[in-house]
Amino acid sequence: MKKCCTCKETKELTEFYKKIRQPDGLDRQCKKCVKNYYLTNRQRKLNNQNEYRIKNLESISIREALRRKNDDNRFERNRLKHKNWRDRNREKLNEYGRKWYQNNKEKRRANVMLKRAIDIGKISRPDFCSECGNKCKPDGHHNDYTKPLSVIWLCKVCHMRKSPRTVLL
């Protein structure tokens, strides 16, 4: 049990948000008081944020430009690092691919047949995920590899949730 510093009521510990910086690891206000504070002060906080943006537009735009530049450089560095690693481990990757094909012939056959059916227009890929409904370019998920053209169309997230990849060592 803990006492809320705003409403002064003693409540269960589950009624408080976690806050690592507090000695007991819980916020001083209960969830209800935090929500009430947010709802009553929302517009004022938004106005303060907008005023800050207007006053500091130049410094904010400089910071954002630097952040974007650093992100671009980081992406390029990671791409080059990955390419170098791939070049150094070419034989290992080829061997991994050969093992995967030997152990997953049925999966590979089903994937190739589905791709060919899409290419010739026998099957059309929808523009949305059949599970979550997000607009995307979905993957075909096979529930049964013996029926290669019977697939469920899933976005990347739903597909990973449905069939998480396993690592072959």
N, C-alpha and C. Protein backbone atom coordinates (compact mmCIF):
# COMPACT_ATOMS: atom_id res chain seq x y z
N MET A 1 0.85 -1.18 0.00
CA MET A 1 0.00 0.00 0.00
C MET A 1 0.90 1.24 0.00
N LYS A 2 0.41 2.28 -0.67
CA LYS A 2 1.17 3.51 -0.77
C LYS A 2 0.20 4.68 -0.81
N LYS A 3 0.65 5.83 -0.28
CA LYS A 3 -0.20 7.02 -0.22
C LYS A 3 0.16 7.95 -1.38
N CYS A 4 -0.84 8.39 -2.13
CA CYS A 4 -0.65 9.32 -3.24
C CYS A 4 -0.40 10.72 -2.67
N CYS A 5 0.59 11.43 -3.20
CA CYS A 5 0.93 12.75 -2.67
C CYS A 5 -0.07 13.82 -3.13
N THR A 6 -0.91 13.52 -4.12
CA THR A 6 -1.87 14.51 -4.62
C THR A 6 -3.24 14.34 -3.97
N CYS A 7 -3.82 13.15 -4.11
CA CYS A 7 -5.17 12.93 -3.57
C CYS A 7 -5.15 12.45 -2.12
N LYS A 8 -3.98 12.12 -1.60
CA LYS A 8 -3.77 11.69 -0.21
C LYS A 8 -4.48 10.39 0.14
N GLU A 9 -4.85 9.60 -0.86
CA GLU A 9 -5.49 8.31 -0.61
C GLU A 9 -4.43 7.22 -0.59
N THR A 10 -4.66 6.21 0.24
CA THR A 10 -3.77 5.06 0.29
C THR A 10 -4.30 4.03 -0.69
N LYS A 11 -3.43 3.61 -1.63
CA LYS A 11 -3.87 2.71 -2.71
C LYS A 11 -2.89 1.55 -2.86
N GLU A 12 -3.32 0.55 -3.62
CA GLU A 12 -2.47 -0.59 -3.94
C GLU A 12 -1.29 -0.13 -4.79
N LEU A 13 -0.20 -0.88 -4.74
CA LEU A 13 1.01 -0.53 -5.50
C LEU A 13 0.77 -0.57 -7.01
N THR A 14 -0.18 -1.38 -7.45
CA THR A 14 -0.48 -1.47 -8.88
C THR A 14 -1.14 -0.20 -9.41
N GLU A 15 -1.59 0.66 -8.52
CA GLU A 15 -2.25 1.92 -8.90
C GLU A 15 -1.23 3.04 -9.17
N PHE A 16 0.07 2.71 -9.11
CA PHE A 16 1.13 3.70 -9.34
C PHE A 16 2.00 3.26 -10.51
N TYR A 17 2.40 4.25 -11.33
CA TYR A 17 3.32 3.96 -12.43
C TYR A 17 4.71 3.69 -11.86
N LYS A 18 5.50 2.91 -12.60
CA LYS A 18 6.88 2.66 -12.20
C LYS A 18 7.71 3.92 -12.48
N LYS A 19 8.61 4.24 -11.57
CA LYS A 19 9.51 5.37 -11.74
C LYS A 19 10.82 5.01 -11.05
N ILE A 20 11.82 4.68 -11.85
CA ILE A 20 13.08 4.15 -11.32
C ILE A 20 13.77 5.13 -10.40
N ARG A 21 13.64 6.41 -10.65
CA ARG A 21 14.36 7.41 -9.86
C ARG A 21 13.84 7.56 -8.43
N GLN A 22 12.64 7.08 -8.18
CA GLN A 22 12.09 7.16 -6.83
C GLN A 22 12.69 6.03 -5.98
N PRO A 23 12.85 6.25 -4.68
CA PRO A 23 13.46 5.23 -3.81
C PRO A 23 12.72 3.89 -3.83
N ASP A 24 11.39 3.93 -3.91
CA ASP A 24 10.64 2.67 -3.92
C ASP A 24 10.33 2.17 -5.33
N GLY A 25 10.79 2.91 -6.35
CA GLY A 25 10.60 2.48 -7.73
C GLY A 25 9.23 2.80 -8.30
N LEU A 26 8.42 3.58 -7.56
CA LEU A 26 7.07 3.92 -8.02
C LEU A 26 6.90 5.43 -8.00
N ASP A 27 6.02 5.93 -8.87
CA ASP A 27 5.72 7.36 -8.93
C ASP A 27 5.07 7.82 -7.62
N ARG A 28 5.18 9.10 -7.31
CA ARG A 28 4.58 9.63 -6.07
C ARG A 28 3.08 9.83 -6.23
N GLN A 29 2.63 10.08 -7.48
CA GLN A 29 1.20 10.26 -7.73
C GLN A 29 0.61 8.95 -8.26
N CYS A 30 -0.65 8.71 -7.94
CA CYS A 30 -1.32 7.52 -8.46
C CYS A 30 -1.65 7.74 -9.95
N LYS A 31 -1.96 6.66 -10.65
CA LYS A 31 -2.25 6.74 -12.08
C LYS A 31 -3.41 7.68 -12.37
N LYS A 32 -4.42 7.67 -11.52
CA LYS A 32 -5.60 8.51 -11.72
C LYS A 32 -5.22 10.00 -11.65
N CYS A 33 -4.39 10.37 -10.67
CA CYS A 33 -3.98 11.78 -10.52
C CYS A 33 -3.07 12.22 -11.67
N VAL A 34 -2.20 11.32 -12.13
CA VAL A 34 -1.33 11.64 -13.27
C VAL A 34 -2.18 11.92 -14.50
N LYS A 35 -3.18 11.08 -14.71
CA LYS A 35 -4.06 11.25 -15.87
C LYS A 35 -4.85 12.55 -15.77
N ASN A 36 -5.38 12.85 -14.59
CA ASN A 36 -6.13 14.10 -14.40
C ASN A 36 -5.25 15.32 -14.66
N TYR A 37 -3.99 15.27 -14.17
CA TYR A 37 -3.06 16.38 -14.39
C TYR A 37 -2.81 16.57 -15.89
N TYR A 38 -2.60 15.45 -16.58
CA TYR A 38 -2.35 15.53 -18.02
C TYR A 38 -3.54 16.15 -18.74
N LEU A 39 -4.74 15.69 -18.42
CA LEU A 39 -5.94 16.18 -19.11
C LEU A 39 -6.19 17.67 -18.83
N THR A 40 -5.95 18.11 -17.60
CA THR A 40 -6.22 19.51 -17.27
C THR A 40 -5.14 20.46 -17.79
N ASN A 41 -3.93 19.97 -17.98
CA ASN A 41 -2.83 20.85 -18.40
C ASN A 41 -2.35 20.57 -19.82
N ARG A 42 -3.07 19.78 -20.57
CA ARG A 42 -2.64 19.39 -21.91
C ARG A 42 -2.48 20.59 -22.83
N GLN A 43 -3.48 21.43 -22.90
CA GLN A 43 -3.45 22.57 -23.82
C GLN A 43 -2.32 23.54 -23.44
N ARG A 44 -2.14 23.78 -22.16
CA ARG A 44 -1.07 24.68 -21.72
C ARG A 44 0.30 24.13 -22.12
N LYS A 45 0.49 22.82 -21.95
CA LYS A 45 1.77 22.20 -22.33
C LYS A 45 2.00 22.30 -23.84
N LEU A 46 0.95 22.08 -24.63
CA LEU A 46 1.08 22.19 -26.08
C LEU A 46 1.43 23.61 -26.49
N ASN A 47 0.79 24.59 -25.85
CA ASN A 47 1.09 26.00 -26.15
C ASN A 47 2.54 26.33 -25.81
N ASN A 48 3.02 25.85 -24.65
CA ASN A 48 4.41 26.08 -24.27
C ASN A 48 5.39 25.47 -25.27
N GLN A 49 5.08 24.27 -25.74
CA GLN A 49 5.93 23.62 -26.73
C GLN A 49 5.96 24.42 -28.03
N ASN A 50 4.79 24.90 -28.46
CA ASN A 50 4.73 25.68 -29.70
C ASN A 50 5.50 26.99 -29.56
N GLU A 51 5.37 27.66 -28.42
CA GLU A 51 6.11 28.91 -28.19
C GLU A 51 7.62 28.64 -28.23
N TYR A 52 8.06 27.55 -27.60
CA TYR A 52 9.47 27.22 -27.59
C TYR A 52 9.97 26.99 -29.02
N ARG A 53 9.18 26.25 -29.81
CA ARG A 53 9.58 25.98 -31.19
C ARG A 53 9.70 27.27 -31.99
N ILE A 54 8.76 28.19 -31.80
CA ILE A 54 8.79 29.45 -32.54
C ILE A 54 10.02 30.27 -32.14
N LYS A 55 10.30 30.36 -30.83
CA LYS A 55 11.43 31.15 -30.36
C LYS A 55 12.77 30.55 -30.77
N ASN A 56 12.84 29.22 -30.83
CA ASN A 56 14.11 28.55 -31.07
C ASN A 56 14.15 27.81 -32.40
N LEU A 57 13.43 28.33 -33.38
CA LEU A 57 13.31 27.65 -34.67
C LEU A 57 14.67 27.43 -35.33
N GLU A 58 15.53 28.43 -35.27
CA GLU A 58 16.82 28.32 -35.94
C GLU A 58 17.69 27.24 -35.29
N SER A 59 17.80 27.27 -33.97
CA SER A 59 18.64 26.27 -33.30
C SER A 59 18.06 24.86 -33.45
N ILE A 60 16.74 24.76 -33.45
CA ILE A 60 16.11 23.45 -33.63
C ILE A 60 16.39 22.92 -35.03
N SER A 61 16.27 23.78 -36.05
CA SER A 61 16.50 23.32 -37.42
C SER A 61 17.97 22.94 -37.62
N ILE A 62 18.90 23.65 -36.97
CA ILE A 62 20.32 23.29 -37.06
C ILE A 62 20.56 21.92 -36.43
N ARG A 63 19.96 21.70 -35.22
CA ARG A 63 20.11 20.42 -34.55
C ARG A 63 19.53 19.28 -35.38
N GLU A 64 18.36 19.51 -35.99
CA GLU A 64 17.74 18.47 -36.81
C GLU A 64 18.58 18.16 -38.03
N ALA A 65 19.16 19.21 -38.65
CA ALA A 65 20.01 19.00 -39.82
C ALA A 65 21.24 18.18 -39.43
N LEU A 66 21.85 18.49 -38.28
CA LEU A 66 23.01 17.73 -37.82
C LEU A 66 22.64 16.29 -37.52
N ARG A 67 21.48 16.11 -36.88
CA ARG A 67 21.03 14.75 -36.56
C ARG A 67 20.82 13.94 -37.83
N ARG A 68 20.17 14.57 -38.85
CA ARG A 68 19.95 13.87 -40.12
C ARG A 68 21.27 13.52 -40.78
N LYS A 69 22.22 14.45 -40.75
CA LYS A 69 23.53 14.21 -41.36
C LYS A 69 24.23 13.06 -40.65
N ASN A 70 24.18 13.05 -39.31
CA ASN A 70 24.79 11.97 -38.55
C ASN A 70 24.12 10.64 -38.83
N ASP A 71 22.78 10.66 -38.97
CA ASP A 71 22.06 9.43 -39.29
C ASP A 71 22.49 8.91 -40.65
N ASP A 72 22.62 9.82 -41.64
CA ASP A 72 23.04 9.41 -42.98
C ASP A 72 24.45 8.80 -42.93
N ASN A 73 25.35 9.47 -42.20
CA ASN A 73 26.72 8.96 -42.07
C ASN A 73 26.74 7.60 -41.37
N ARG A 74 25.91 7.47 -40.34
CA ARG A 74 25.85 6.21 -39.61
C ARG A 74 25.34 5.09 -40.52
N PHE A 75 24.33 5.41 -41.32
CA PHE A 75 23.78 4.42 -42.25
C PHE A 75 24.86 3.99 -43.24
N GLU A 76 25.59 4.95 -43.79
CA GLU A 76 26.64 4.64 -44.76
C GLU A 76 27.75 3.80 -44.11
N ARG A 77 28.15 4.17 -42.89
CA ARG A 77 29.20 3.41 -42.19
C ARG A 77 28.74 1.98 -41.94
N ASN A 78 27.50 1.81 -41.49
CA ASN A 78 26.98 0.46 -41.24
C ASN A 78 26.90 -0.35 -42.52
N ARG A 79 26.50 0.31 -43.61
CA ARG A 79 26.40 -0.39 -44.89
C ARG A 79 27.77 -0.88 -45.34
N LEU A 80 28.79 -0.01 -45.23
CA LEU A 80 30.14 -0.39 -45.61
C LEU A 80 30.70 -1.49 -44.70
N LYS A 81 30.41 -1.37 -43.40
CA LYS A 81 30.87 -2.36 -42.44
C LYS A 81 30.26 -3.73 -42.77
N HIS A 82 28.97 -3.73 -43.08
CA HIS A 82 28.28 -4.98 -43.41
C HIS A 82 28.83 -5.56 -44.72
N LYS A 83 29.08 -4.69 -45.70
CA LYS A 83 29.63 -5.15 -46.99
C LYS A 83 31.00 -5.77 -46.78
N ASN A 84 31.85 -5.14 -46.00
CA ASN A 84 33.18 -5.69 -45.72
C ASN A 84 33.09 -7.04 -45.01
N TRP A 85 32.19 -7.13 -44.03
CA TRP A 85 32.00 -8.39 -43.32
C TRP A 85 31.54 -9.48 -44.28
N ARG A 86 30.59 -9.12 -45.16
CA ARG A 86 30.07 -10.07 -46.14
C ARG A 86 31.17 -10.56 -47.07
N ASP A 87 32.04 -9.64 -47.52
CA ASP A 87 33.15 -10.01 -48.40
C ASP A 87 34.13 -10.95 -47.69
N ARG A 88 34.42 -10.68 -46.42
CA ARG A 88 35.36 -11.51 -45.66
C ARG A 88 34.78 -12.91 -45.38
N ASN A 89 33.47 -13.01 -45.27
CA ASN A 89 32.82 -14.27 -44.90
C ASN A 89 32.04 -14.91 -46.04
N ARG A 90 32.45 -14.65 -47.26
CA ARG A 90 31.73 -15.15 -48.44
C ARG A 90 31.56 -16.67 -48.41
N GLU A 91 32.65 -17.40 -48.14
CA GLU A 91 32.58 -18.86 -48.13
C GLU A 91 31.64 -19.38 -47.04
N LYS A 92 31.73 -18.78 -45.88
CA LYS A 92 30.87 -19.18 -44.76
C LYS A 92 29.39 -18.96 -45.13
N LEU A 93 29.08 -17.82 -45.75
CA LEU A 93 27.71 -17.53 -46.15
C LEU A 93 27.22 -18.48 -47.24
N ASN A 94 28.10 -18.79 -48.20
CA ASN A 94 27.73 -19.73 -49.25
C ASN A 94 27.44 -21.11 -48.68
N GLU A 95 28.27 -21.54 -47.73
CA GLU A 95 28.08 -22.84 -47.09
C GLU A 95 26.76 -22.85 -46.31
N TYR A 96 26.48 -21.76 -45.63
CA TYR A 96 25.21 -21.65 -44.90
C TYR A 96 24.04 -21.77 -45.87
N GLY A 97 24.12 -21.07 -47.00
CA GLY A 97 23.06 -21.13 -48.00
C GLY A 97 22.86 -22.54 -48.54
N ARG A 98 23.98 -23.24 -48.83
CA ARG A 98 23.88 -24.61 -49.33
C ARG A 98 23.20 -25.53 -48.30
N LYS A 99 23.60 -25.39 -47.03
CA LYS A 99 22.98 -26.19 -45.98
C LYS A 99 21.49 -25.91 -45.87
N TRP A 100 21.13 -24.63 -45.93
CA TRP A 100 19.72 -24.26 -45.81
C TRP A 100 18.91 -24.88 -46.95
N TYR A 101 19.43 -24.78 -48.20
CA TYR A 101 18.72 -25.36 -49.34
C TYR A 101 18.57 -26.87 -49.20
N GLN A 102 19.60 -27.55 -48.69
CA GLN A 102 19.52 -29.00 -48.51
C GLN A 102 18.48 -29.37 -47.46
N ASN A 103 18.40 -28.57 -46.39
CA ASN A 103 17.48 -28.89 -45.29
C ASN A 103 16.07 -28.37 -45.52
N ASN A 104 15.87 -27.48 -46.49
CA ASN A 104 14.56 -26.85 -46.69
C ASN A 104 14.11 -26.89 -48.15
N LYS A 105 14.29 -28.01 -48.80
CA LYS A 105 13.94 -28.12 -50.23
C LYS A 105 12.45 -27.85 -50.47
N GLU A 106 11.61 -28.35 -49.58
CA GLU A 106 10.17 -28.17 -49.75
C GLU A 106 9.77 -26.70 -49.63
N LYS A 107 10.37 -25.99 -48.65
CA LYS A 107 10.09 -24.55 -48.48
C LYS A 107 10.54 -23.78 -49.72
N ARG A 108 11.74 -24.07 -50.18
CA ARG A 108 12.28 -23.37 -51.35
C ARG A 108 11.40 -23.60 -52.57
N ARG A 109 10.97 -24.85 -52.78
CA ARG A 109 10.10 -25.18 -53.91
C ARG A 109 8.80 -24.39 -53.85
N ALA A 110 8.20 -24.33 -52.65
CA ALA A 110 6.94 -23.60 -52.49
C ALA A 110 7.15 -22.10 -52.75
N ASN A 111 8.24 -21.53 -52.25
CA ASN A 111 8.51 -20.11 -52.46
C ASN A 111 8.73 -19.79 -53.93
N VAL A 112 9.48 -20.64 -54.64
CA VAL A 112 9.74 -20.42 -56.07
C VAL A 112 8.43 -20.52 -56.86
N MET A 113 7.62 -21.51 -56.55
CA MET A 113 6.35 -21.67 -57.27
C MET A 113 5.44 -20.47 -57.04
N LEU A 114 5.38 -19.95 -55.82
CA LEU A 114 4.56 -18.78 -55.52
C LEU A 114 5.07 -17.56 -56.28
N LYS A 115 6.40 -17.36 -56.29
CA LYS A 115 6.97 -16.21 -57.00
C LYS A 115 6.66 -16.27 -58.49
N ARG A 116 6.79 -17.45 -59.09
CA ARG A 116 6.49 -17.61 -60.51
C ARG A 116 5.02 -17.35 -60.79
N ALA A 117 4.15 -17.82 -59.93
CA ALA A 117 2.70 -17.60 -60.11
C ALA A 117 2.37 -16.12 -60.04
N ILE A 118 3.05 -15.38 -59.17
CA ILE A 118 2.84 -13.93 -59.07
C ILE A 118 3.37 -13.25 -60.34
N ASP A 119 4.57 -13.67 -60.79
CA ASP A 119 5.19 -13.06 -61.97
C ASP A 119 4.36 -13.23 -63.23
N ILE A 120 3.74 -14.40 -63.41
CA ILE A 120 2.96 -14.61 -64.63
C ILE A 120 1.51 -14.13 -64.49
N GLY A 121 1.13 -13.72 -63.30
CA GLY A 121 -0.20 -13.16 -63.09
C GLY A 121 -1.25 -14.18 -62.67
N LYS A 122 -0.84 -15.37 -62.35
CA LYS A 122 -1.79 -16.40 -61.90
C LYS A 122 -2.35 -16.06 -60.53
N ILE A 123 -1.52 -15.45 -59.70
CA ILE A 123 -1.92 -15.00 -58.36
C ILE A 123 -1.57 -13.52 -58.25
N SER A 124 -2.46 -12.75 -57.64
CA SER A 124 -2.15 -11.32 -57.45
C SER A 124 -1.92 -11.07 -55.97
N ARG A 125 -0.91 -10.25 -55.71
CA ARG A 125 -0.55 -9.90 -54.34
C ARG A 125 -1.44 -8.72 -53.92
N PRO A 126 -2.15 -8.80 -52.79
CA PRO A 126 -2.97 -7.66 -52.34
C PRO A 126 -2.09 -6.52 -51.83
N ASP A 127 -2.70 -5.37 -51.56
CA ASP A 127 -1.98 -4.19 -51.09
C ASP A 127 -2.08 -4.02 -49.58
N PHE A 128 -2.53 -5.05 -48.88
CA PHE A 128 -2.70 -4.94 -47.42
C PHE A 128 -2.48 -6.29 -46.76
N CYS A 129 -2.18 -6.23 -45.47
CA CYS A 129 -1.98 -7.44 -44.66
C CYS A 129 -3.34 -8.03 -44.33
N SER A 130 -3.49 -9.33 -44.49
CA SER A 130 -4.79 -9.95 -44.20
C SER A 130 -5.03 -10.12 -42.71
N GLU A 131 -4.00 -9.95 -41.88
CA GLU A 131 -4.19 -10.10 -40.44
C GLU A 131 -4.46 -8.76 -39.75
N CYS A 132 -3.58 -7.77 -39.97
CA CYS A 132 -3.75 -6.49 -39.27
C CYS A 132 -4.40 -5.43 -40.16
N GLY A 133 -4.45 -5.64 -41.48
CA GLY A 133 -5.12 -4.71 -42.37
C GLY A 133 -4.28 -3.52 -42.80
N ASN A 134 -2.98 -3.47 -42.40
CA ASN A 134 -2.11 -2.35 -42.80
C ASN A 134 -1.85 -2.38 -44.30
N LYS A 135 -1.80 -1.20 -44.88
CA LYS A 135 -1.48 -1.10 -46.30
C LYS A 135 0.02 -1.27 -46.46
N CYS A 136 0.43 -2.28 -47.25
CA CYS A 136 1.84 -2.59 -47.41
C CYS A 136 2.01 -3.53 -48.60
N LYS A 137 3.23 -4.05 -48.79
CA LYS A 137 3.49 -5.09 -49.77
C LYS A 137 3.70 -6.38 -48.97
N PRO A 138 2.64 -7.17 -48.78
CA PRO A 138 2.73 -8.31 -47.87
C PRO A 138 3.51 -9.50 -48.44
N ASP A 139 3.99 -10.34 -47.53
CA ASP A 139 4.65 -11.60 -47.88
C ASP A 139 3.60 -12.70 -47.90
N GLY A 140 3.86 -13.74 -48.68
CA GLY A 140 2.99 -14.90 -48.67
C GLY A 140 3.44 -15.89 -47.61
N HIS A 141 2.59 -16.20 -46.66
CA HIS A 141 2.93 -17.14 -45.59
C HIS A 141 2.27 -18.48 -45.89
N HIS A 142 3.10 -19.52 -45.94
CA HIS A 142 2.59 -20.88 -46.19
C HIS A 142 2.30 -21.57 -44.87
N ASN A 143 1.07 -22.01 -44.69
CA ASN A 143 0.76 -22.86 -43.55
C ASN A 143 1.15 -24.29 -43.85
N ASP A 144 1.07 -24.66 -45.14
CA ASP A 144 1.40 -26.02 -45.57
C ASP A 144 2.21 -25.92 -46.86
N TYR A 145 3.47 -26.35 -46.82
CA TYR A 145 4.35 -26.22 -47.98
C TYR A 145 4.00 -27.18 -49.10
N THR A 146 3.15 -28.18 -48.83
CA THR A 146 2.73 -29.08 -49.91
C THR A 146 1.68 -28.42 -50.80
N LYS A 147 1.13 -27.28 -50.33
CA LYS A 147 0.18 -26.50 -51.13
C LYS A 147 0.81 -25.13 -51.39
N PRO A 148 1.73 -25.05 -52.37
CA PRO A 148 2.54 -23.84 -52.54
C PRO A 148 1.76 -22.59 -52.94
N LEU A 149 0.60 -22.72 -53.52
CA LEU A 149 -0.15 -21.54 -53.94
C LEU A 149 -1.23 -21.14 -52.94
N SER A 150 -1.32 -21.87 -51.85
CA SER A 150 -2.27 -21.55 -50.79
C SER A 150 -1.52 -20.77 -49.71
N VAL A 151 -1.64 -19.44 -49.72
CA VAL A 151 -0.89 -18.59 -48.79
C VAL A 151 -1.80 -17.59 -48.10
N ILE A 152 -1.31 -17.09 -46.98
CA ILE A 152 -1.95 -15.98 -46.27
C ILE A 152 -1.03 -14.79 -46.50
N TRP A 153 -1.58 -13.64 -46.85
CA TRP A 153 -0.76 -12.45 -47.13
C TRP A 153 -0.58 -11.65 -45.86
N LEU A 154 0.68 -11.56 -45.39
CA LEU A 154 1.00 -10.91 -44.12
C LEU A 154 2.08 -9.85 -44.30
N CYS A 155 1.96 -8.76 -43.52
CA CYS A 155 3.03 -7.76 -43.50
C CYS A 155 4.24 -8.36 -42.79
N LYS A 156 5.38 -7.67 -42.86
CA LYS A 156 6.62 -8.21 -42.28
C LYS A 156 6.46 -8.51 -40.78
N VAL A 157 5.82 -7.59 -40.05
CA VAL A 157 5.67 -7.76 -38.60
C VAL A 157 4.80 -8.98 -38.28
N CYS A 158 3.64 -9.07 -38.93
CA CYS A 158 2.75 -10.21 -38.69
C CYS A 158 3.39 -11.52 -39.13
N HIS A 159 4.16 -11.47 -40.23
CA HIS A 159 4.81 -12.67 -40.73
C HIS A 159 5.86 -13.17 -39.74
N MET A 160 6.64 -12.25 -39.16
CA MET A 160 7.64 -12.65 -38.18
C MET A 160 6.98 -13.20 -36.92
N ARG A 161 5.83 -12.64 -36.56
CA ARG A 161 5.10 -13.12 -35.40
C ARG A 161 4.56 -14.53 -35.66
N LYS A 162 4.10 -14.77 -36.89
CA LYS A 162 3.50 -16.04 -37.26
C LYS A 162 4.55 -17.14 -37.40
N SER A 163 5.71 -16.81 -38.00
CA SER A 163 6.75 -17.82 -38.22
C SER A 163 8.12 -17.22 -37.95
N PRO A 164 8.54 -17.18 -36.68
CA PRO A 164 9.86 -16.62 -36.37
C PRO A 164 10.96 -17.47 -36.99
N ARG A 165 11.97 -16.81 -37.52
CA ARG A 165 13.06 -17.51 -38.20
C ARG A 165 13.95 -18.21 -37.18
N THR A 166 14.45 -19.34 -37.58
CA THR A 166 15.39 -20.06 -36.73
C THR A 166 16.76 -20.01 -37.37
N VAL A 167 17.79 -20.01 -36.55
CA VAL A 167 19.16 -19.91 -37.05
C VAL A 167 19.73 -21.31 -37.22
N LEU A 168 20.30 -21.57 -38.36
CA LEU A 168 20.94 -22.84 -38.65
C LEU A 168 22.43 -22.69 -38.41
N LEU A 169 22.99 -23.48 -37.52
CA LEU A 169 24.42 -23.36 -37.23
C LEU A 169 25.17 -24.55 -37.75
